[in-house]
C-alpha cells in the first residue's frame, strides 16, 4: 500500500489530536512537524478527521488536465454511492452527470462484487477455520502488519475495482484509454497508479467522490446513463446486509471491533463462524469518508432500493 496521507505545510498547532487518535501509533510530532511512519500507517483517515487545522491532507489529481492526455476516458463508480441517493433512478442521473465531466464511459462494478460475495460464501462453507474477506486496503494492511499469522485466512480475491479495470483494459486493448477510480474512502485511493505510484495497478487515476461532488450537482439533470446494479454486490458492501447467520457468515465494522475479532481468531476462539467480512468504516463501504451522506441514513436508502437491483 502506498502512502496517501501527508502533512502539508505549516499550520500545525501541536494539539496532538492526530497522535492520540492514530490507532497504529504511526504519528509523531518532531520540531513542530507532523511525521507519519509509512510502514505503520494503514491510511484509515482517522487522523484527518481529528485534525482541526486541516493540515493532514490527501494529494489530488488535476482531473481536467489528465482527461486531455488520453483518447478514451472511463470512470469507475463505486456501488457505495447508492447510499447517498434517495431513488434507484438517481444513480443513473449521477452517472450521466459524471460523464459530463468529460468521460467517454461510466462503468459500475457491482456485478463483480456480487460474484465475489457468492464465491466467498461458497469457498468458506464448512471449512476447518474462519475465513476472512476484505476488499479494504486499510484492513488488509492491518492484517499484514499486526496479524501476519492470519494472512492465510484471507480469501485470495483481487479487489473488485481492480478486476473491473483489468477487464476494461482487455476490452479496449487497441485504444489509448485512461481508467479512473472514483473512491468513497482514503484506502481505495492506494489502488491506482496516480497520484500514489501503484504501478502494478490497471487503474490509472484515483480521486475522491467528494472532489467531484460540487460539479456533479451542477451537471445533474433528468438525463440518465443506463446502469444495472447487482443486488448481491450491494449486500457485499453494507455491514447490515452482509452475510447470513444461518450460513455462518457475519460482518465486523471498525478497527477496534476488527481487532477484537482477529484476536479471537488468532487464538482459535471463534467456533461458529465460517466467513467474516471486515470493513474499516461503520456500516461497511457506505461509511466511506468521501461520501456526502451518513451511513445511518445511507443504510435505509440502500435497503429501500434493493428490490430495484438485479440478481
Protein backbone atom coordinates (compact mmCIF):
# COMPACT_ATOMS: atom_id res chain seq x y z
CA UNK A 1 0.00 0.00 0.00
CA UNK A 2 1.32 3.43 -0.96
CA UNK A 3 1.46 6.35 1.44
CA UNK A 4 -1.58 8.59 0.98
CA UNK A 5 -1.89 10.88 4.00
CA UNK A 6 0.60 13.76 4.13
CA UNK A 7 1.40 16.75 6.30
CA UNK A 8 1.05 19.78 4.07
CA UNK A 9 2.96 22.90 5.04
CA UNK A 10 2.63 24.94 8.22
CA UNK A 11 -0.38 25.47 10.42
CA UNK A 12 0.00 22.68 12.96
CA UNK A 13 -0.96 23.91 16.46
CA UNK A 14 0.62 20.91 18.22
CA UNK A 15 -2.72 19.90 19.68
CA UNK A 16 -1.56 16.26 19.21
CA UNK A 17 -5.10 15.13 18.35
CA UNK A 18 -3.68 13.25 15.38
CA UNK A 19 -1.14 11.50 17.59
CA UNK A 20 -3.75 10.49 20.14
CA UNK A 21 -6.29 9.36 17.55
CA UNK A 22 -3.97 7.19 15.42
CA UNK A 23 -4.79 3.51 16.09
CA UNK A 24 -1.42 2.36 14.75
CA UNK A 25 0.92 4.73 16.68
CA UNK A 26 2.13 5.89 13.27
CA UNK A 27 2.23 9.64 14.00
CA UNK A 28 4.73 11.74 15.92
CA UNK A 29 5.46 15.47 16.08
CA UNK A 30 9.09 16.49 15.68
CA UNK A 31 10.16 20.15 15.59
CA UNK A 32 6.51 21.15 15.17
CA UNK A 33 6.23 18.95 12.09
CA UNK A 34 3.83 16.01 11.80
CA UNK A 35 5.76 12.87 10.90
CA UNK A 36 3.88 9.83 9.57
CA UNK A 37 5.57 6.43 9.65
CA UNK A 38 4.77 4.98 6.23
CA UNK A 39 5.30 1.41 7.38
CA UNK A 40 2.86 1.70 10.28
CA UNK A 41 0.23 3.90 8.59
CA UNK A 42 -2.74 1.98 7.19
CA UNK A 43 -4.47 5.04 5.62
CA UNK A 44 -7.52 4.76 7.84
CA UNK A 45 -8.14 8.58 7.70
CA UNK A 46 -8.86 8.81 11.45
CA UNK A 47 -6.12 11.41 11.87
CA UNK A 48 -7.57 13.53 9.06
CA UNK A 49 -10.91 13.64 10.79
CA UNK A 50 -9.25 14.50 14.11
CA UNK A 51 -7.17 17.40 12.72
CA UNK A 52 -8.95 20.71 13.39
CA UNK A 53 -6.35 22.69 11.42
CA UNK A 54 -6.74 20.53 8.31
CA UNK A 55 -3.00 20.23 7.78
CA UNK A 56 -3.27 16.50 7.11
CA UNK A 57 -4.45 16.12 3.56
CA UNK A 58 -4.70 13.78 0.60
CA UNK A 59 -2.98 14.57 -2.68
CA UNK A 60 -5.45 15.03 -5.55
CA UNK A 61 -5.07 14.77 -9.30
CA UNK A 62 -5.89 17.59 -11.70
CA UNK A 63 -8.84 15.97 -13.46
CA UNK A 64 -9.13 18.46 -16.30
CA UNK A 65 -5.51 18.07 -17.36
CA UNK A 66 -5.47 14.26 -17.13
CA UNK A 67 -8.62 13.93 -19.21
CA UNK A 68 -6.81 15.66 -22.07
CA UNK A 69 -3.94 13.16 -22.08
CA UNK A 70 -5.88 10.16 -23.38
CA UNK A 71 -8.18 9.30 -26.28
CA UNK A 72 -10.82 7.49 -24.21
CA UNK A 73 -11.56 8.12 -20.52
CA UNK A 74 -13.55 5.72 -18.32
CA UNK A 75 -14.90 6.42 -14.83
CA UNK A 76 -15.44 3.53 -12.43
CA UNK A 77 -18.09 4.48 -9.87
CA UNK A 78 -18.42 2.71 -6.51
CA UNK A 79 -21.59 0.88 -5.52
CA UNK A 80 -21.45 2.66 -2.15
CA UNK A 81 -22.52 5.91 -3.82
CA UNK A 82 -26.06 4.48 -3.76
CA UNK A 83 -26.22 5.23 -0.05
CA UNK A 84 -26.21 8.95 -0.82
CA UNK A 85 -29.21 8.71 -3.12
CA UNK A 86 -32.93 8.52 -2.50
CA UNK A 87 -34.07 6.56 -5.56
CA UNK A 88 -32.63 3.95 -7.92
CA UNK A 89 -33.13 6.27 -10.91
CA UNK A 90 -30.92 8.87 -9.24
CA UNK A 91 -27.82 6.70 -9.71
CA UNK A 92 -28.48 6.89 -13.45
CA UNK A 93 -28.73 10.69 -13.20
CA UNK A 94 -25.48 10.79 -11.22
CA UNK A 95 -23.74 8.54 -13.77
CA UNK A 96 -24.75 10.89 -16.58
CA UNK A 97 -23.56 13.92 -14.57
CA UNK A 98 -20.18 12.23 -14.01
CA UNK A 99 -19.91 11.56 -17.73
CA UNK A 100 -20.43 15.27 -18.34
CA UNK A 101 -17.06 15.94 -16.70
CA UNK A 102 -15.52 14.70 -19.94
CA UNK A 103 -15.59 10.94 -19.55
CA UNK A 104 -16.42 8.79 -22.55
CA UNK A 105 -17.87 5.97 -20.48
CA UNK A 106 -19.12 5.39 -16.94
CA UNK A 107 -18.93 1.87 -15.50
CA UNK A 108 -20.01 0.37 -12.20
CA UNK A 109 -18.81 -3.00 -10.96
CA UNK A 110 -21.44 -4.32 -8.54
CA UNK A 111 -21.72 -7.45 -10.71
CA UNK A 112 -18.11 -8.31 -9.84
CA UNK A 113 -18.73 -7.55 -6.17
CA UNK A 114 -21.79 -9.79 -6.25
CA UNK A 115 -19.89 -12.65 -7.87
CA UNK A 116 -17.13 -12.47 -5.25
CA UNK A 117 -19.72 -12.27 -2.47
CA UNK A 118 -21.33 -15.51 -3.60
CA UNK A 119 -17.95 -17.14 -4.17
CA UNK A 120 -16.85 -16.19 -0.67
CA UNK A 121 -19.89 -17.84 0.89
CA UNK A 122 -19.22 -20.96 -1.16
CA UNK A 123 -15.45 -21.15 -0.57
CA UNK A 124 -15.73 -20.74 3.21
CA UNK A 125 -18.62 -23.09 3.88
CA UNK A 126 -17.91 -25.82 6.42
CA UNK A 127 -14.19 -25.06 6.48
CA UNK A 128 -11.85 -26.00 9.29
CA UNK A 129 -11.01 -22.37 10.12
CA UNK A 130 -12.60 -18.95 9.97
CA UNK A 131 -12.05 -17.39 6.55
CA UNK A 132 -11.77 -13.64 6.08
CA UNK A 133 -12.85 -11.48 3.20
CA UNK A 134 -11.73 -7.89 2.91
CA UNK A 135 -11.78 -5.61 -0.08
CA UNK A 136 -10.48 -2.79 2.11
CA UNK A 137 -6.79 -1.89 1.63
CA UNK A 138 -6.75 -0.42 5.13
CA UNK A 139 -7.81 -3.68 6.77
CA UNK A 140 -5.54 -5.76 4.59
CA UNK A 141 -2.53 -3.70 5.67
CA UNK A 142 -3.63 -4.02 9.30
CA UNK A 143 -3.58 -7.80 8.93
CA UNK A 144 -0.20 -7.77 7.19
CA UNK A 145 1.30 -5.50 9.87
CA UNK A 146 -0.24 -6.86 13.06
CA UNK A 147 -1.74 -10.27 12.26
CA UNK A 148 0.61 -11.97 9.79
CA UNK A 149 -0.45 -15.42 11.03
CA UNK A 150 -3.94 -14.71 9.66
CA UNK A 151 -2.89 -13.79 6.13
CA UNK A 152 -3.68 -17.35 5.01
CA UNK A 153 -7.23 -16.87 6.31
CA UNK A 154 -7.90 -14.16 3.72
CA UNK A 155 -9.77 -15.42 0.68
CA UNK A 156 -7.43 -14.89 -2.30
CA UNK A 157 -9.60 -12.48 -4.28
CA UNK A 158 -8.45 -9.34 -6.05
CA UNK A 159 -10.20 -6.02 -5.42
CA UNK A 160 -13.43 -5.73 -7.46
CA UNK A 161 -12.44 -2.31 -8.82
CA UNK A 162 -9.10 -3.76 -9.97
CA UNK A 163 -10.86 -6.66 -11.70
CA UNK A 164 -13.19 -4.20 -13.43
CA UNK A 165 -10.22 -2.13 -14.61
CA UNK A 166 -8.43 -5.21 -15.93
CA UNK A 167 -11.50 -6.26 -17.94
CA UNK A 168 -11.76 -2.79 -19.44
CA UNK A 169 -8.10 -2.80 -20.39
CA UNK A 170 -8.61 -6.11 -22.18
CA UNK A 171 -11.77 -4.85 -23.89
CA UNK A 172 -10.06 -1.71 -25.18
CA UNK A 173 -6.62 -3.19 -25.82
CA UNK A 174 -6.29 -1.27 -29.10
CA UNK A 175 -7.21 2.11 -27.60
CA UNK A 176 -5.36 4.70 -25.58
CA UNK A 177 -7.63 4.55 -22.54
CA UNK A 178 -7.42 6.01 -19.05
CA UNK A 179 -9.29 4.35 -16.20
CA UNK A 180 -10.33 6.48 -13.24
CA UNK A 181 -11.49 5.05 -9.92
CA UNK A 182 -13.87 7.36 -8.05
CA UNK A 183 -13.25 6.46 -4.43
CA UNK A 184 -15.52 6.51 -1.40
CA UNK A 185 -12.65 6.20 1.09
CA UNK A 186 -8.98 7.03 1.55
CA UNK A 187 -7.83 3.41 1.42
CA UNK A 188 -9.11 2.83 -2.10
CA UNK A 189 -7.03 5.70 -3.42
CA UNK A 190 -3.97 3.48 -2.99
CA UNK A 191 -5.13 1.11 -5.72
CA UNK A 192 -4.16 3.36 -8.62
CA UNK A 193 -1.02 4.43 -10.45
CA UNK A 194 -1.68 8.13 -9.87
CA UNK A 195 -1.29 10.03 -7.67
CA UNK A 196 0.33 7.43 -5.40
CA UNK A 197 2.51 5.36 -7.73
CA UNK A 198 0.96 1.88 -7.62
CA UNK A 199 2.45 0.89 -10.95
CA UNK A 200 1.11 -2.69 -10.77
CA UNK A 201 -2.48 -1.48 -10.97
CA UNK A 202 -4.74 -1.46 -14.03
CA UNK A 203 -6.27 1.75 -12.68
CA UNK A 204 -4.57 4.90 -13.98
CA UNK A 205 -6.01 7.56 -11.69
CA UNK A 206 -7.85 7.68 -8.37
CA UNK A 207 -9.78 10.60 -6.97
CA UNK A 208 -12.34 11.08 -4.24
CA UNK A 209 -16.04 11.25 -4.96
CA UNK A 210 -16.22 14.35 -2.76
CA UNK A 211 -13.66 16.11 -5.00
CA UNK A 212 -16.22 15.87 -7.80
CA UNK A 213 -19.43 16.34 -5.82
CA UNK A 214 -19.96 20.12 -6.23
CA UNK A 215 -19.75 19.84 -10.03
CA UNK A 216 -21.77 16.61 -10.10
CA UNK A 217 -24.64 18.67 -8.72
CA UNK A 218 -24.10 21.31 -11.40
CA UNK A 219 -24.22 18.75 -14.21
CA UNK A 220 -27.08 16.73 -12.77
CA UNK A 221 -30.37 16.87 -14.68
CA UNK A 222 -33.04 14.47 -15.97
CA UNK A 223 -30.61 12.75 -18.37
CA UNK A 224 -29.59 9.20 -17.44
CA UNK A 225 -26.96 6.58 -18.18
CA UNK A 226 -28.30 3.03 -18.20
CA UNK A 227 -26.84 1.06 -15.31
CA UNK A 228 -27.77 -2.21 -13.66
CA UNK A 229 -26.83 -2.63 -10.03
CA UNK A 230 -26.34 -6.16 -8.74
CA UNK A 231 -28.26 -6.98 -5.55
CA UNK A 232 -25.51 -9.20 -4.16
CA UNK A 233 -22.92 -6.57 -4.98
CA UNK A 234 -24.87 -4.15 -2.79
CA UNK A 235 -25.08 -6.70 0.02
CA UNK A 236 -21.33 -7.23 -0.16
CA UNK A 237 -20.54 -3.62 0.80
CA UNK A 238 -23.11 -2.96 3.55
CA UNK A 239 -22.42 -4.33 7.01
CA UNK A 240 -26.08 -4.77 7.98
CA UNK A 241 -26.88 -6.57 4.73
CA UNK A 242 -23.80 -8.76 4.56
CA UNK A 243 -23.98 -12.47 5.19
CA UNK A 244 -26.47 -14.66 6.93
CA UNK A 245 -26.07 -16.21 10.37
CA UNK A 246 -27.69 -19.36 9.02
CA UNK A 247 -24.72 -19.55 6.66
CA UNK A 248 -22.25 -18.74 9.47
CA UNK A 249 -21.25 -15.52 7.68
CA UNK A 250 -21.01 -12.25 9.59
CA UNK A 251 -19.59 -8.75 9.13
CA UNK A 252 -17.43 -6.74 11.53
CA UNK A 253 -17.01 -2.97 11.23
CA UNK A 254 -14.49 -0.54 12.69
CA UNK A 255 -10.86 -1.05 13.62
CA UNK A 256 -11.43 -1.68 17.33
CA UNK A 257 -14.05 -4.36 16.72
CA UNK A 258 -11.99 -5.93 13.95
CA UNK A 259 -9.00 -6.16 16.27
CA UNK A 260 -11.14 -7.97 18.85
CA UNK A 261 -12.37 -10.40 16.20
CA UNK A 262 -8.89 -11.04 14.81
CA UNK A 263 -7.56 -11.65 18.32
CA UNK A 264 -10.25 -14.29 18.83
CA UNK A 265 -9.45 -15.96 15.52
CA UNK A 266 -5.74 -15.91 16.24
CA UNK A 267 -6.35 -17.86 19.44
CA UNK A 268 -8.97 -20.15 17.86
CA UNK A 269 -11.80 -18.76 19.96
CA UNK A 270 -14.45 -18.45 17.21
CA UNK A 271 -16.23 -21.74 16.69
CA UNK A 272 -19.46 -20.89 14.87
CA UNK A 273 -18.27 -18.61 12.07
CA UNK A 274 -17.18 -19.77 8.61
CA UNK A 275 -16.76 -16.37 6.96
CA UNK A 276 -16.12 -12.92 8.39
CA UNK A 277 -16.28 -9.79 6.23
CA UNK A 278 -14.13 -6.93 7.52
CA UNK A 279 -14.95 -3.24 6.99
CA UNK A 280 -12.86 -0.35 8.31
CA UNK A 281 -15.84 2.01 8.05
CA UNK A 282 -19.05 1.94 10.06
CA UNK A 283 -21.85 0.15 8.18
CA UNK A 284 -19.34 -1.01 5.58
CA UNK A 285 -18.22 0.87 2.49
CA UNK A 286 -21.22 3.20 2.76
CA UNK A 287 -19.43 4.75 5.74
CA UNK A 288 -16.61 5.95 3.48
CA UNK A 289 -15.12 9.33 4.38
CA UNK A 290 -15.70 10.74 0.88
CA UNK A 291 -19.43 10.09 0.69
CA UNK A 292 -21.53 13.13 1.46
CA UNK A 293 -24.41 11.41 3.27
CA UNK A 294 -24.10 9.47 6.53
CA UNK A 295 -24.08 5.68 6.99
CA UNK A 296 -27.08 5.71 9.32
CA UNK A 297 -29.38 7.18 6.68
CA UNK A 298 -27.41 5.56 3.87
CA UNK A 299 -28.34 2.07 5.03
CA UNK A 300 -32.04 2.98 4.84
CA UNK A 301 -31.54 4.49 1.39
CA UNK A 302 -29.91 1.33 0.06
CA UNK A 303 -32.46 -1.01 1.63
CA UNK A 304 -35.26 0.96 0.00
CA UNK A 305 -33.66 0.37 -3.43
CA UNK A 306 -32.62 -3.25 -3.08
CA UNK A 307 -35.74 -4.56 -4.86
CA UNK A 308 -34.84 -2.48 -7.92
CA UNK A 309 -31.45 -4.16 -8.24
CA UNK A 310 -30.96 -7.18 -10.46
CA UNK A 311 -29.85 -10.53 -9.02
